Structure formats: structure tokens, C-alpha cells
N, C-alpha and C. Protein backbone atom coordinates (compact mmCIF):
# COMPACT_ATOMS: atom_id res chain seq x y z
N UNK A 1 146.22 70.20 -32.27
CA UNK A 1 145.58 69.49 -31.19
C UNK A 1 144.72 70.44 -30.36
N UNK A 2 145.21 71.65 -30.11
CA UNK A 2 144.45 72.62 -29.33
C UNK A 2 143.15 72.96 -30.05
N UNK A 3 143.20 73.02 -31.36
CA UNK A 3 142.00 73.33 -32.14
C UNK A 3 140.95 72.23 -31.96
N UNK A 4 141.40 71.00 -31.91
CA UNK A 4 140.48 69.88 -31.71
C UNK A 4 139.86 69.94 -30.32
N UNK A 5 140.65 70.27 -29.31
CA UNK A 5 140.11 70.36 -27.96
C UNK A 5 139.10 71.49 -27.84
N UNK A 6 139.34 72.59 -28.53
CA UNK A 6 138.37 73.70 -28.53
C UNK A 6 137.08 73.25 -29.21
N UNK A 7 137.20 72.53 -30.30
CA UNK A 7 136.04 72.03 -31.03
C UNK A 7 135.19 71.10 -30.16
N UNK A 8 135.85 70.28 -29.35
CA UNK A 8 135.13 69.30 -28.53
C UNK A 8 134.78 69.81 -27.14
N UNK A 9 135.00 71.08 -26.89
CA UNK A 9 134.81 71.64 -25.55
C UNK A 9 133.43 71.34 -24.94
N UNK A 10 132.38 71.27 -25.73
CA UNK A 10 131.04 71.06 -25.19
C UNK A 10 130.54 69.63 -25.20
N UNK A 11 131.37 68.69 -25.63
CA UNK A 11 130.92 67.30 -25.72
C UNK A 11 130.69 66.73 -24.32
N UNK A 12 129.57 66.03 -24.12
CA UNK A 12 129.33 65.40 -22.81
C UNK A 12 130.29 64.21 -22.61
N UNK A 13 131.03 64.26 -21.52
CA UNK A 13 131.99 63.19 -21.22
C UNK A 13 131.52 62.39 -20.02
N UNK A 14 131.82 61.14 -19.90
CA UNK A 14 132.65 60.34 -20.79
C UNK A 14 131.95 60.08 -22.12
N UNK A 15 132.76 59.90 -23.16
CA UNK A 15 132.24 59.67 -24.50
C UNK A 15 133.14 58.69 -25.24
N UNK A 16 132.52 57.87 -26.05
CA UNK A 16 133.26 56.91 -26.88
C UNK A 16 133.69 57.57 -28.18
N UNK A 17 134.46 56.84 -28.94
CA UNK A 17 134.99 57.34 -30.21
C UNK A 17 133.88 57.80 -31.13
N UNK A 18 132.83 57.01 -31.30
CA UNK A 18 131.76 57.37 -32.23
C UNK A 18 131.02 58.62 -31.76
N UNK A 19 130.80 58.75 -30.46
CA UNK A 19 130.15 59.95 -29.94
C UNK A 19 130.99 61.19 -30.21
N UNK A 20 132.29 61.07 -30.06
CA UNK A 20 133.20 62.19 -30.34
C UNK A 20 133.18 62.55 -31.82
N UNK A 21 133.17 61.54 -32.68
CA UNK A 21 133.10 61.77 -34.13
C UNK A 21 131.80 62.48 -34.51
N UNK A 22 130.69 62.00 -33.96
CA UNK A 22 129.38 62.60 -34.26
C UNK A 22 129.33 64.06 -33.80
N UNK A 23 129.82 64.32 -32.61
CA UNK A 23 129.81 65.68 -32.06
C UNK A 23 130.69 66.60 -32.91
N UNK A 24 131.89 66.14 -33.25
CA UNK A 24 132.81 66.95 -34.06
C UNK A 24 132.19 67.25 -35.42
N UNK A 25 131.51 66.27 -35.99
CA UNK A 25 130.90 66.48 -37.31
C UNK A 25 129.80 67.55 -37.24
N UNK A 26 129.00 67.53 -36.17
CA UNK A 26 127.93 68.53 -36.05
C UNK A 26 128.51 69.93 -35.81
N UNK A 27 129.68 70.01 -35.21
CA UNK A 27 130.29 71.30 -34.91
C UNK A 27 131.11 71.86 -36.08
N UNK A 28 131.75 70.97 -36.84
CA UNK A 28 132.76 71.43 -37.79
C UNK A 28 132.70 70.74 -39.15
N UNK A 29 131.81 69.81 -39.35
CA UNK A 29 131.81 69.09 -40.61
C UNK A 29 132.94 68.08 -40.66
N UNK A 30 133.59 67.99 -41.79
CA UNK A 30 134.61 66.95 -42.00
C UNK A 30 136.03 67.39 -41.71
N UNK A 31 136.26 68.62 -41.33
CA UNK A 31 137.62 69.15 -41.25
C UNK A 31 138.51 68.42 -40.24
N UNK A 32 138.04 68.17 -39.03
CA UNK A 32 138.89 67.54 -38.02
C UNK A 32 138.51 66.09 -37.70
N UNK A 33 137.45 65.58 -38.33
CA UNK A 33 137.05 64.20 -38.03
C UNK A 33 138.10 63.16 -38.45
N UNK A 34 138.91 63.39 -39.49
CA UNK A 34 139.95 62.38 -39.79
C UNK A 34 140.92 62.16 -38.63
N UNK A 35 141.20 63.20 -37.89
CA UNK A 35 142.08 63.07 -36.73
C UNK A 35 141.42 62.19 -35.67
N UNK A 36 140.13 62.38 -35.46
CA UNK A 36 139.41 61.59 -34.45
C UNK A 36 139.28 60.12 -34.86
N UNK A 37 139.32 59.84 -36.13
CA UNK A 37 139.22 58.44 -36.58
C UNK A 37 140.44 57.63 -36.13
N UNK A 38 141.52 58.29 -35.78
CA UNK A 38 142.73 57.61 -35.31
C UNK A 38 142.59 57.12 -33.86
N UNK A 39 141.57 57.57 -33.16
CA UNK A 39 141.39 57.19 -31.76
C UNK A 39 141.12 55.70 -31.61
N UNK A 40 141.57 55.11 -30.52
CA UNK A 40 141.21 53.72 -30.24
C UNK A 40 139.74 53.64 -29.83
N UNK A 41 139.17 52.48 -30.02
CA UNK A 41 137.76 52.26 -29.64
C UNK A 41 137.67 52.09 -28.13
N UNK A 42 137.42 53.17 -27.43
CA UNK A 42 137.23 53.12 -25.98
C UNK A 42 136.53 54.39 -25.53
N UNK A 43 136.26 54.48 -24.25
CA UNK A 43 135.59 55.64 -23.70
C UNK A 43 136.63 56.61 -23.13
N UNK A 44 136.43 57.89 -23.35
CA UNK A 44 137.33 58.93 -22.87
C UNK A 44 136.62 59.75 -21.81
N UNK A 45 137.30 59.96 -20.66
CA UNK A 45 136.70 60.68 -19.54
C UNK A 45 137.03 62.17 -19.55
N UNK A 46 138.05 62.56 -20.32
CA UNK A 46 138.43 63.97 -20.38
C UNK A 46 139.05 64.28 -21.73
N UNK A 47 139.09 65.58 -22.06
CA UNK A 47 139.72 65.98 -23.32
C UNK A 47 141.23 65.77 -23.25
N UNK A 48 141.80 65.87 -22.07
CA UNK A 48 143.24 65.61 -21.93
C UNK A 48 143.54 64.14 -22.24
N UNK A 49 142.67 63.26 -21.77
CA UNK A 49 142.84 61.83 -22.04
C UNK A 49 142.75 61.56 -23.54
N UNK A 50 141.83 62.23 -24.19
CA UNK A 50 141.67 62.11 -25.64
C UNK A 50 142.92 62.61 -26.35
N UNK A 51 143.44 63.76 -25.93
CA UNK A 51 144.65 64.31 -26.53
C UNK A 51 145.83 63.39 -26.35
N UNK A 52 145.94 62.77 -25.18
CA UNK A 52 147.05 61.85 -24.91
C UNK A 52 146.95 60.62 -25.81
N UNK A 53 145.73 60.19 -26.13
CA UNK A 53 145.56 59.03 -27.01
C UNK A 53 146.00 59.36 -28.44
N UNK A 54 145.81 60.62 -28.85
CA UNK A 54 146.19 61.01 -30.21
C UNK A 54 147.66 61.37 -30.33
N UNK A 55 148.17 62.10 -29.36
CA UNK A 55 149.56 62.56 -29.38
C UNK A 55 150.17 62.38 -27.99
N UNK A 56 150.67 61.18 -27.68
CA UNK A 56 151.21 60.94 -26.34
C UNK A 56 152.35 61.91 -26.00
N UNK A 57 152.26 62.49 -24.81
CA UNK A 57 153.32 63.37 -24.34
C UNK A 57 153.95 62.83 -23.05
N UNK A 58 153.28 61.89 -22.41
CA UNK A 58 153.82 61.30 -21.18
C UNK A 58 154.84 60.23 -21.54
N UNK A 59 155.92 60.12 -20.77
CA UNK A 59 156.91 59.07 -21.05
C UNK A 59 156.33 57.69 -20.78
N UNK A 60 156.77 56.73 -21.54
CA UNK A 60 156.35 55.36 -21.30
C UNK A 60 157.23 54.77 -20.21
N UNK A 61 156.63 54.11 -19.26
CA UNK A 61 157.37 53.52 -18.16
C UNK A 61 157.72 52.10 -18.55
N UNK A 62 158.99 51.79 -18.49
CA UNK A 62 159.41 50.43 -18.82
C UNK A 62 159.50 49.62 -17.53
N UNK A 63 159.13 48.39 -17.64
CA UNK A 63 159.19 47.49 -16.50
C UNK A 63 160.54 46.81 -16.49
N UNK A 64 161.08 46.54 -15.30
CA UNK A 64 162.35 45.81 -15.24
C UNK A 64 162.21 44.45 -15.91
N UNK A 65 163.29 43.96 -16.48
CA UNK A 65 163.26 42.69 -17.20
C UNK A 65 162.80 41.53 -16.31
N UNK A 66 163.26 41.52 -15.07
CA UNK A 66 162.82 40.45 -14.17
C UNK A 66 162.76 40.98 -12.75
N UNK A 67 162.03 40.27 -11.94
CA UNK A 67 161.88 40.66 -10.55
C UNK A 67 162.56 39.64 -9.63
N UNK A 68 163.65 39.05 -10.12
CA UNK A 68 164.35 38.06 -9.31
C UNK A 68 165.08 38.76 -8.17
N UNK A 69 165.08 38.10 -7.02
CA UNK A 69 165.79 38.68 -5.89
C UNK A 69 167.29 38.53 -6.09
N UNK A 70 168.02 39.45 -5.52
CA UNK A 70 169.47 39.43 -5.65
C UNK A 70 170.05 38.75 -4.41
N UNK A 71 171.24 38.14 -4.55
CA UNK A 71 171.85 37.49 -3.39
C UNK A 71 172.24 38.51 -2.33
N UNK A 72 172.30 38.05 -1.09
CA UNK A 72 172.70 38.92 0.03
C UNK A 72 174.08 39.49 -0.24
N UNK A 73 174.31 40.71 0.20
CA UNK A 73 175.58 41.37 -0.08
C UNK A 73 176.57 41.24 1.07
N UNK A 74 176.27 40.48 2.07
CA UNK A 74 177.20 40.32 3.19
C UNK A 74 176.43 40.15 4.49
N UNK A 75 177.16 40.29 5.58
CA UNK A 75 176.55 40.15 6.90
C UNK A 75 175.68 41.36 7.21
N UNK A 76 174.61 41.16 7.98
CA UNK A 76 173.78 42.30 8.36
C UNK A 76 174.53 43.20 9.34
N UNK A 77 174.14 44.46 9.44
CA UNK A 77 174.81 45.34 10.40
C UNK A 77 174.64 44.81 11.82
N UNK A 78 175.71 44.75 12.58
CA UNK A 78 175.63 44.23 13.94
C UNK A 78 175.85 42.74 14.02
N UNK A 79 176.10 42.08 12.91
CA UNK A 79 176.38 40.64 12.91
C UNK A 79 175.19 39.83 13.40
N UNK A 80 175.47 38.81 14.24
CA UNK A 80 174.42 37.90 14.74
C UNK A 80 173.42 38.61 15.64
N UNK A 81 173.83 39.73 16.27
CA UNK A 81 172.93 40.46 17.16
C UNK A 81 171.78 41.11 16.38
N UNK A 82 171.91 41.20 15.10
CA UNK A 82 170.88 41.81 14.27
C UNK A 82 169.55 41.09 14.43
N UNK A 83 169.61 39.77 14.60
CA UNK A 83 168.38 38.98 14.75
C UNK A 83 168.18 38.48 16.18
N UNK A 84 169.01 38.91 17.12
CA UNK A 84 168.92 38.49 18.52
C UNK A 84 167.97 39.42 19.27
N UNK A 85 166.81 38.90 19.62
CA UNK A 85 165.79 39.72 20.29
C UNK A 85 166.22 40.14 21.69
N UNK A 86 167.16 39.42 22.31
CA UNK A 86 167.57 39.76 23.68
C UNK A 86 168.72 40.77 23.72
N UNK A 87 169.26 41.13 22.57
CA UNK A 87 170.38 42.09 22.54
C UNK A 87 169.89 43.46 23.01
N UNK A 88 170.73 44.13 23.79
CA UNK A 88 170.38 45.45 24.31
C UNK A 88 170.61 46.49 23.21
N UNK A 89 169.59 47.27 22.87
CA UNK A 89 169.77 48.26 21.82
C UNK A 89 170.80 49.29 22.19
N UNK A 90 171.68 49.61 21.26
CA UNK A 90 172.69 50.65 21.47
C UNK A 90 173.87 50.23 22.31
N UNK A 91 173.91 49.00 22.81
CA UNK A 91 175.02 48.56 23.66
C UNK A 91 176.22 48.23 22.79
N UNK A 92 177.42 48.46 23.37
CA UNK A 92 178.65 48.11 22.67
C UNK A 92 178.94 46.65 22.97
N UNK A 93 179.13 45.87 21.95
CA UNK A 93 179.37 44.43 22.13
C UNK A 93 180.87 44.15 21.99
N UNK A 94 181.36 43.21 22.80
CA UNK A 94 182.75 42.78 22.66
C UNK A 94 182.86 42.06 21.32
N UNK A 95 183.91 42.36 20.64
CA UNK A 95 184.15 41.70 19.36
C UNK A 95 183.24 42.21 18.26
N UNK A 96 182.47 43.26 18.54
CA UNK A 96 181.59 43.82 17.51
C UNK A 96 182.36 44.62 16.47
N UNK A 97 181.73 44.92 15.40
CA UNK A 97 182.40 45.65 14.34
C UNK A 97 182.75 47.08 14.73
């Protein structure tokens, strides 16, 4: 892979698959072009992006199966005063937890 990146060091980016193939062919003939043929048909903005397309090294992020909300786990801290706008902050309440 490093050899391919050295070969493509002078290619003007962003470049599409065909531009990369043409550039590699003018620099090296047929030796490394088979590797470039594996690239997806899209534009590449950097050689690192190109390398990642050929040999992924970043972990794939999996999405959670669902985004359903979970049921409440109990009473809020402070009980009913949690939503009482007139409650005095930091005050000790009778019968409080």
C-alpha cells in the first residue's frame, strides 16, 4: 500500500478512479494498476482516503438496533419538587428522601 501511495504522490487531487488509473499507468505501467481497479467509482480527496478504500483500517461503527425510548426507572430525584418551580433550591423538605 505504501508503494502505491508513493507512486500516486504527484496526482492532482481530488481525482476519480479513472484519473488515478491513468496517472498510475503513466508513472509505472501495469504493475500497480490492478490494485487501483478495485477502487469504487467515486472521487478521492486524499491519498489516505484512497488507501482506506482499498484496505480499511478504521473500525466500522455499528448502529444500535433501535432507538426506542426506555421506560422511566423510578421517581425523579427530589420527588414531586423536581418539577415544582416554586420549590426553594437546596432547602430540606419535610418527608423528603
